[in-house]
C-alpha atoms as a PDB file:
ATOM      1  CA  THR A   1      -8.591 -48.747  -2.424  1.00  0.00           C
ATOM      2  CA  LYS A   2      -7.441 -45.092  -2.316  1.00  0.00           C
ATOM      3  CA  HIS A   3      -4.106 -45.649  -0.970  1.00  0.00           C
ATOM      4  CA  ASP A   4      -3.530 -48.855  -3.609  1.00  0.00           C
ATOM      5  CA  HIS A   5      -4.320 -46.295  -6.100  1.00  0.00           C
ATOM      6  CA  GLN A   6      -1.746 -43.787  -5.090  1.00  0.00           C
ATOM      7  CA  LYS A   7       0.771 -46.240  -4.557  1.00  0.00           C
ATOM      8  CA  ARG A   8       0.253 -47.522  -8.210  1.00  0.00           C
ATOM      9  CA  ILE A   9       0.511 -44.093  -9.512  1.00  0.00           C
ATOM     10  CA  GLN A  10       3.754 -43.555  -7.699  1.00  0.00           C
ATOM     11  CA  LYS A  11       5.238 -46.884  -9.004  1.00  0.00           C
ATOM     12  CA  VAL A  12       4.191 -46.556 -12.766  1.00  0.00           C
ATOM     13  CA  PHE A  13       4.399 -42.858 -13.275  1.00  0.00           C
ATOM     14  CA  LYS A  14       7.152 -42.034 -10.810  1.00  0.00           C
ATOM     15  CA  TYR A  15       5.137 -39.599  -8.632  1.00  0.00           C
ATOM     16  CA  HIS A  16       6.286 -38.528  -5.056  1.00  0.00           C
ATOM     17  CA  GLU A  17       4.452 -38.329  -1.720  1.00  0.00           C
ATOM     18  CA  PHE A  18       3.536 -34.795  -0.827  1.00  0.00           C
ATOM     19  CA  ASN A  19       5.044 -35.175   2.968  1.00  0.00           C
ATOM     20  CA  ALA A  20       8.325 -36.787   1.616  1.00  0.00           C
ATOM     21  CA  HIS A  21      11.300 -34.715   1.710  1.00  0.00           C
ATOM     22  CA  PRO A  22      12.277 -32.106   0.269  1.00  0.00           C
ATOM     23  CA  TRP A  23       8.918 -31.334  -1.430  1.00  0.00           C
ATOM     24  CA  PRO A  24       7.142 -29.537   1.379  1.00  0.00           C
ATOM     25  CA  PHE A  25      10.069 -27.280   2.086  1.00  0.00           C
ATOM     26  CA  ARG A  26      10.692 -26.422  -1.529  1.00  0.00           C
ATOM     27  CA  LEU A  27       7.090 -25.658  -2.067  1.00  0.00           C
ATOM     28  CA  LEU A  28       6.935 -23.499   1.254  1.00  0.00           C
ATOM     29  CA  ARG A  29      10.077 -21.720   0.275  1.00  0.00           C
ATOM     30  CA  LEU A  30       8.564 -20.934  -3.196  1.00  0.00           C
ATOM     31  CA  LEU A  31       5.150 -19.729  -1.708  1.00  0.00           C
ATOM     32  CA  TYR A  32       6.966 -17.786   0.867  1.00  0.00           C
ATOM     33  CA  SER A  33       9.089 -15.768  -1.844  1.00  0.00           C
ATOM     34  CA  LYS A  34       6.118 -15.093  -3.864  1.00  0.00           C
ATOM     35  CA  SER A  35       3.957 -13.918  -1.128  1.00  0.00           C
ATOM     36  CA  TRP A  36       6.695 -11.614   0.306  1.00  0.00           C
ATOM     37  CA  LEU A  37       7.537 -10.153  -2.908  1.00  0.00           C
ATOM     38  CA  THR A  38       4.443  -9.851  -5.026  1.00  0.00           C
ATOM     39  CA  ASP A  39       1.529 -10.117  -2.397  1.00  0.00           C
ATOM     40  CA  GLU A  40      -0.430 -12.265  -4.768  1.00  0.00           C
ATOM     41  CA  ARG A  41      -4.047 -13.359  -4.080  1.00  0.00           C
ATOM     42  CA  PRO A  42      -4.505 -16.676  -2.210  1.00  0.00           C
ATOM     43  CA  SER A  43      -6.339 -18.204  -5.410  1.00  0.00           C
ATOM     44  CA  LEU A  44      -3.141 -17.454  -7.529  1.00  0.00           C
ATOM     45  CA  LEU A  45      -0.934 -18.781  -4.846  1.00  0.00           C
ATOM     46  CA  PHE A  46      -3.391 -21.897  -4.767  1.00  0.00           C
ATOM     47  CA  ASP A  47      -3.127 -22.350  -8.553  1.00  0.00           C
ATOM     48  CA  PHE A  48       0.591 -21.984  -8.463  1.00  0.00           C
ATOM     49  CA  ALA A  49       0.985 -24.422  -5.692  1.00  0.00           C
ATOM     50  CA  THR A  50      -1.005 -26.924  -7.686  1.00  0.00           C
ATOM     51  CA  SER A  51       0.689 -26.436 -11.021  1.00  0.00           C
ATOM     52  CA  TRP A  52       4.051 -26.720  -9.384  1.00  0.00           C
ATOM     53  CA  LEU A  53       3.044 -30.145  -7.599  1.00  0.00           C
ATOM     54  CA  ILE A  54       1.866 -31.458 -10.987  1.00  0.00           C
ATOM     55  CA  HIS A  55       4.917 -30.396 -12.793  1.00  0.00           C
ATOM     56  CA  HIS A  56       7.356 -31.980 -10.178  1.00  0.00           C
ATOM     57  CA  LYS A  57       5.116 -35.172  -9.963  1.00  0.00           C
ATOM     58  CA  VAL A  58       3.933 -34.870  -6.500  1.00  0.00           C
ATOM     59  CA  LEU A  59       0.824 -36.455  -5.405  1.00  0.00           C
ATOM     60  CA  LEU A  60      -1.762 -33.655  -4.638  1.00  0.00           C
ATOM     61  CA  PRO A  61      -2.801 -33.502  -1.022  1.00  0.00           C
ATOM     62  CA  GLY A  62      -6.404 -32.297  -0.096  1.00  0.00           C
ATOM     63  CA  CYS A  63      -7.389 -28.559  -1.066  1.00  0.00           C
ATOM     64  CA  SER A  64      -7.430 -27.883   2.629  1.00  0.00           C
ATOM     65  CA  THR A  65      -3.893 -28.746   3.061  1.00  0.00           C
ATOM     66  CA  ILE A  66      -2.649 -26.356   0.430  1.00  0.00           C
ATOM     67  CA  VAL A  67      -5.161 -23.565   1.698  1.00  0.00           C
ATOM     68  CA  ARG A  68      -3.726 -23.954   5.358  1.00  0.00           C
ATOM     69  CA  LEU A  69      -0.133 -23.866   3.830  1.00  0.00           C
ATOM     70  CA  ILE A  70      -0.878 -20.620   1.950  1.00  0.00           C
ATOM     71  CA  GLY A  71      -2.705 -19.185   4.935  1.00  0.00           C
ATOM     72  CA  SER A  72       0.198 -19.679   7.150  1.00  0.00           C
ATOM     73  CA  VAL A  73       2.708 -18.349   4.432  1.00  0.00           C
ATOM     74  CA  ARG A  74       0.669 -15.137   4.152  1.00  0.00           C
ATOM     75  CA  ASN A  75       0.476 -14.681   7.907  1.00  0.00           C
ATOM     76  CA  ARG A  76       4.127 -15.001   8.311  1.00  0.00           C
ATOM     77  CA  THR A  77       4.956 -12.595   5.540  1.00  0.00           C
ATOM     78  CA  GLN A  78       2.523 -10.053   6.985  1.00  0.00           C
ATOM     79  CA  ILE A  79       3.958 -10.289  10.399  1.00  0.00           C
ATOM     80  CA  ARG A  80       7.590  -9.845   9.190  1.00  0.00           C
ATOM     81  CA  LEU A  81       6.490  -6.870   6.958  1.00  0.00           C
ATOM     82  CA  TRP A  82       5.069  -5.148   9.907  1.00  0.00           C
ATOM     83  CA  ALA A  83       8.014  -6.012  12.133  1.00  0.00           C
ATOM     84  CA  LYS A  84      10.279  -4.612   9.750  1.00  0.00           C
ATOM     85  CA  ILE A  85       8.404  -1.485   9.057  1.00  0.00           C
ATOM     86  CA  SER A  86       7.635  -0.640  12.694  1.00  0.00           C
ATOM     87  CA  GLN A  87      11.216  -0.746  13.679  1.00  0.00           C
ATOM     88  CA  LEU A  88      12.123   1.910  11.047  1.00  0.00           C
ATOM     89  CA  PRO A  89      10.812   5.172  12.906  1.00  0.00           C
ATOM     90  CA  SER A  90      12.162   6.782  16.128  1.00  0.00           C
ATOM     91  CA  ALA A  91      10.089   7.018  19.423  1.00  0.00           C
ATOM     92  CA  LEU A  92       9.182  10.455  18.623  1.00  0.00           C
ATOM     93  CA  GLN A  93       7.885   9.906  15.095  1.00  0.00           C
ATOM     94  CA  ILE A  94       5.954   6.799  16.545  1.00  0.00           C
ATOM     95  CA  ALA A  95       4.237   9.035  19.116  1.00  0.00           C
ATOM     96  CA  GLU A  96       3.513  11.472  16.188  1.00  0.00           C
ATOM     97  CA  LEU A  97       2.000   8.547  13.972  1.00  0.00           C
ATOM     98  CA  LYS A  98      -0.266   7.460  16.912  1.00  0.00           C
ATOM     99  CA  ALA A  99      -1.549  11.030  17.229  1.00  0.00           C
ATOM    100  CA  LEU A 100      -2.958  10.881  13.808  1.00  0.00           C
ATOM    101  CA  VAL A 101      -5.756   8.488  14.664  1.00  0.00           C
ATOM    102  CA  VAL A 102      -6.739  10.543  17.916  1.00  0.00           C
ATOM    103  CA  VAL A 103      -9.632  13.004  17.644  1.00  0.00           C
ATOM    104  CA  ASP A 104      -8.489  16.375  19.444  1.00  0.00           C
ATOM    105  CA  GLU A 105     -10.758  18.157  21.591  1.00  0.00           C
ATOM    106  CA  GLY A 106     -13.004  20.392  19.786  1.00  0.00           C
ATOM    107  CA  SER A 107     -12.674  18.429  16.561  1.00  0.00           C
ATOM    108  CA  ARG A 108     -15.087  15.943  14.973  1.00  0.00           C
ATOM    109  CA  ILE A 109     -12.401  13.879  12.974  1.00  0.00           C
ATOM    110  CA  SER A 110      -8.694  12.888  13.467  1.00  0.00           C
ATOM    111  CA  LYS A 111      -5.736  14.469  11.638  1.00  0.00           C
ATOM    112  CA  LEU A 112      -5.684  11.146   9.558  1.00  0.00           C
ATOM    113  CA  GLU A 113      -8.876  12.151   8.011  1.00  0.00           C
ATOM    114  CA  GLN A 114      -8.004  15.585   7.739  1.00  0.00           C
ATOM    115  CA  TYR A 115      -4.907  14.799   5.603  1.00  0.00           C
ATOM    116  CA  ARG A 116      -6.980  12.695   3.311  1.00  0.00           C
ATOM    117  CA  LYS A 117      -9.046  15.467   2.168  1.00  0.00           C
ATOM    118  CA  GLY A 118      -7.230  17.367  -0.807  1.00  0.00           C
ATOM    119  CA  PRO A 119      -8.128  20.821  -2.388  1.00  0.00           C
ATOM    120  CA  CYS A 120     -11.316  21.051  -4.115  1.00  0.00           C
ATOM    121  CA  THR A 121     -11.286  24.605  -5.582  1.00  0.00           C
ATOM    122  CA  ILE A 122      -8.802  26.446  -7.272  1.00  0.00           C
ATOM    123  CA  SER A 123      -7.966  29.779  -5.315  1.00  0.00           C
ATOM    124  CA  SER A 124      -5.199  31.223  -3.170  1.00  0.00           C
ATOM    125  CA  ASN A 125      -6.565  29.789  -0.045  1.00  0.00           C
ATOM    126  CA  SER A 126      -6.776  26.324  -1.487  1.00  0.00           C
ATOM    127  CA  LEU A 127      -3.087  26.737  -2.401  1.00  0.00           C
ATOM    128  CA  ARG A 128      -2.112  27.806   0.929  1.00  0.00           C
ATOM    129  CA  THR A 129      -4.161  24.770   2.619  1.00  0.00           C
ATOM    130  CA  ALA A 130      -2.446  22.482   0.110  1.00  0.00           C
ATOM    131  CA  ILE A 131       1.206  23.720   0.910  1.00  0.00           C
ATOM    132  CA  SER A 132       0.450  23.594   4.641  1.00  0.00           C
ATOM    133  CA  ARG A 133      -0.876  19.896   4.214  1.00  0.00           C
ATOM    134  CA  TYR A 134       2.367  18.904   2.321  1.00  0.00           C
ATOM    135  CA  VAL A 135       4.654  20.564   4.779  1.00  0.00           C
ATOM    136  CA  SER A 136       2.957  18.926   7.956  1.00  0.00           C
ATOM    137  CA  LEU A 137       3.226  15.483   6.296  1.00  0.00           C
ATOM    138  CA  LYS A 138       6.784  16.167   5.221  1.00  0.00           C
ATOM    139  CA  ALA A 139       7.507  17.102   8.881  1.00  0.00           C
ATOM    140  CA  PHE A 140       7.320  13.519   9.900  1.00  0.00           C
ATOM    141  CA  GLY A 141      11.081  13.172   8.496  1.00  0.00           C
ATOM    142  CA  PHE A 142      10.430   9.875   6.779  1.00  0.00           C
ATOM    143  CA  GLU A 143      12.721  11.004   3.698  1.00  0.00           C
ATOM    144  CA  ASN A 144      15.744  10.083   5.960  1.00  0.00           C
ATOM    145  CA  ILE A 145      14.459   6.404   6.340  1.00  0.00           C
ATOM    146  CA  ASP A 146      15.513   3.657   3.926  1.00  0.00           C
ATOM    147  CA  PHE A 147      12.458   1.816   2.614  1.00  0.00           C
ATOM    148  CA  LYS A 148      14.647   0.078  -0.002  1.00  0.00           C
ATOM    149  CA  ASN A 149      14.873  -3.397   1.538  1.00  0.00           C
ATOM    150  CA  LEU A 150      10.866  -3.791   1.523  1.00  0.00           C
ATOM    151  CA  PRO A 151       9.040  -4.961  -1.433  1.00  0.00           C
ATOM    152  CA  PRO A 152       7.374  -2.062  -3.333  1.00  0.00           C
ATOM    153  CA  VAL A 153       4.138  -3.924  -4.042  1.00  0.00           C
ATOM    154  CA  ARG A 154       3.510  -4.784  -0.470  1.00  0.00           C
ATOM    155  CA  PHE A 155       4.036  -1.177   0.599  1.00  0.00           C
ATOM    156  CA  LYS A 156       1.744  -0.135  -1.977  1.00  0.00           C
ATOM    157  CA  THR A 157      -0.786  -2.582  -0.740  1.00  0.00           C
ATOM    158  CA  LEU A 158      -0.460  -1.201   3.129  1.00  0.00           C
ATOM    159  CA  ALA A 159      -0.847   2.528   1.393  1.00  0.00           C
ATOM    160  CA  ARG A 160      -3.854   1.490  -0.536  1.00  0.00           C
ATOM    161  CA  TYR A 161      -5.412   0.048   2.778  1.00  0.00           C
ATOM    162  CA  SER A 162      -4.467   3.126   4.752  1.00  0.00           C
ATOM    163  CA  SER A 163      -6.324   5.310   2.421  1.00  0.00           C
ATOM    164  CA  THR A 164      -9.705   3.735   3.240  1.00  0.00           C
ATOM    165  CA  ALA A 165      -9.259   2.519   6.773  1.00  0.00           C
ATOM    166  CA  ILE A 166     -11.280   4.134   9.667  1.00  0.00           C
ATOM    167  CA  ALA A 167      -9.180   5.717  11.962  1.00  0.00           C
ATOM    168  CA  GLN A 168     -10.718   4.140  14.968  1.00  0.00           C
ATOM    169  CA  LYS A 169     -10.172   0.613  13.510  1.00  0.00           C
ATOM    170  CA  ILE A 170      -6.531   1.566  12.927  1.00  0.00           C
ATOM    171  CA  SER A 171      -6.104   2.641  16.543  1.00  0.00           C
ATOM    172  CA  ARG A 172      -7.312  -0.714  17.840  1.00  0.00           C
ATOM    173  CA  MET A 173      -4.770  -2.731  15.792  1.00  0.00           C
ATOM    174  CA  ASP A 174      -1.567  -4.224  17.130  1.00  0.00           C
ATOM    175  CA  HIS A 175       1.564  -2.067  17.388  1.00  0.00           C
ATOM    176  CA  GLY A 176       3.174  -3.269  14.516  1.00  0.00           C
ATOM    177  CA  LYS A 177       0.456  -3.436  12.246  1.00  0.00           C
ATOM    178  CA  GLN A 178      -0.768   0.039  13.313  1.00  0.00           C
ATOM    179  CA  ILE A 179       2.553   1.966  12.767  1.00  0.00           C
ATOM    180  CA  SER A 180       3.042   0.154   9.446  1.00  0.00           C
ATOM    181  CA  ILE A 181      -0.242   1.223   8.053  1.00  0.00           C
ATOM    182  CA  LEU A 182       0.391   4.887   9.493  1.00  0.00           C
ATOM    183  CA  ILE A 183       3.768   4.993   7.755  1.00  0.00           C
ATOM    184  CA  ALA A 184       2.580   3.849   4.579  1.00  0.00           C
ATOM    185  CA  PHE A 185      -0.103   6.548   4.814  1.00  0.00           C
ATOM    186  CA  VAL A 186       2.218   9.341   5.389  1.00  0.00           C
ATOM    187  CA  LYS A 187       4.651   8.431   2.622  1.00  0.00           C
ATOM    188  CA  SER A 188       1.892   8.114   0.179  1.00  0.00           C
ATOM    189  CA  TYR A 189       0.002  11.129   1.135  1.00  0.00           C
ATOM    190  CA  GLU A 190       3.194  13.252   1.337  1.00  0.00           C
ATOM    191  CA  ILE A 191       3.639  12.523  -2.362  1.00  0.00           C
ATOM    192  CA  ALA A 192       0.032  12.899  -3.193  1.00  0.00           C
ATOM    193  CA  ALA A 193      -0.261  16.249  -1.181  1.00  0.00           C
ATOM    194  CA  LEU A 194       2.702  17.648  -3.226  1.00  0.00           C
ATOM    195  CA  ASP A 195       1.282  16.726  -6.355  1.00  0.00           C
ATOM    196  CA  ASP A 196      -2.200  18.240  -5.301  1.00  0.00           C
ATOM    197  CA  ALA A 197      -0.164  21.733  -4.352  1.00  0.00           C
ATOM    198  CA  LEU A 198       1.422  21.675  -7.925  1.00  0.00           C
ATOM    199  CA  ASP A 199      -1.759  20.930  -9.610  1.00  0.00           C
ATOM    200  CA  VAL A 200      -3.528  23.918  -7.791  1.00  0.00           C
ATOM    201  CA  LEU A 201      -0.672  26.176  -8.493  1.00  0.00           C
ATOM    202  CA  ASP A 202      -0.581  25.022 -12.122  1.00  0.00           C
ATOM    203  CA  MET A 203      -4.252  25.745 -12.455  1.00  0.00           C
ATOM    204  CA  MET A 204      -3.903  29.104 -10.785  1.00  0.00           C
ATOM    205  CA  ILE A 205      -1.299  30.311 -13.138  1.00  0.00           C
ATOM    206  CA  THR A 206      -3.274  28.919 -16.290  1.00  0.00           C
ATOM    207  CA  ASN A 207      -6.233  30.827 -15.039  1.00  0.00           C
ATOM    208  CA  ILE A 208      -4.215  33.803 -14.533  1.00  0.00           C
ATOM    209  CA  CYS A 209      -2.520  33.763 -17.912  1.00  0.00           C
ATOM    210  CA  GLN A 210      -5.985  33.236 -19.528  1.00  0.00           C
ATOM    211  CA  PHE A 211      -7.436  36.057 -17.600  1.00  0.00           C
ATOM    212  CA  ALA A 212      -4.512  38.312 -18.781  1.00  0.00           C
ATOM    213  CA  LYS A 213      -4.841  37.150 -22.453  1.00  0.00           C
ATOM    214  CA  THR A 214      -8.578  37.687 -22.451  1.00  0.00           C
ATOM    215  CA  LYS A 215      -8.094  41.178 -20.914  1.00  0.00           C
ATOM    216  CA  GLY A 216      -5.443  41.858 -23.376  1.00  0.00           C
ATOM    217  CA  THR A 217      -7.411  40.925 -26.232  1.00  0.00           C
ATOM    218  CA  LYS A 218     -10.462  43.009 -25.274  1.00  0.00           C
ATOM    219  CA  ASN A 219      -7.912  46.072 -24.703  1.00  0.00           C
ATOM    220  CA  ARG A 220      -6.687  45.468 -28.203  1.00  0.00           C
ATOM    221  CA  LEU A 221     -10.087  45.390 -29.787  1.00  0.00           C
ATOM    222  CA  ARG A 222     -11.194  48.712 -28.092  1.00  0.00           C
ATOM    223  CA  THR A 223      -8.044  50.288 -29.148  1.00  0.00           C
ATOM    224  CA  LEU A 224      -8.686  49.101 -32.830  1.00  0.00           C
ATOM    225  CA  LYS A 225     -12.281  50.442 -32.585  1.00  0.00           C
ATOM    226  CA  ASP A 226     -11.006  53.677 -31.275  1.00  0.00           C
ATOM    227  CA  MET A 227      -8.745  54.040 -34.273  1.00  0.00           C
END
């Protein structure tokens, strides 16, 4: 009955079989492009695929078929992203990146977790620490690497994940995924470290100016009182 019903729908409303060429290929290509460029959630990709099939009068397959298709597409785009990013740094940079998730002897936390900590006070020591943090991250030398061929949204997703992932978990990842996440971490935190240093400097200058202004006002009032 089900097959007869599908055949009648195809005949009367001019619908196409899902497995008939070129519909699976066209849908796969569109899903791959959206997943690569936008990194949309699986639920959004599922809604897009369903709407696209209905619009083009393609008989909807089972939900599991579309779910498996979306899962394979997202997996392929992730592997491609990790492969492209992990090929960018040199061997020396890769060694330095892997050292981020290693806990040195005499320390309780890795360098990755140390770099995550920004300044929490406004003082000369905080400014010095913030500048040292920025210089250390900049020393990786990623400003000479071209990231223009990578989708910015997907790179931001990696950076967002790197800001919360545990160092031990990252150290157990595959080479491509591990290096990609660490590169995204260094790039994003290099910018954040510079912003933190400038914020501390700005607040210090503001406090110095406010102190000077207050002291000048007090001296002025005392001068007027003496007169």
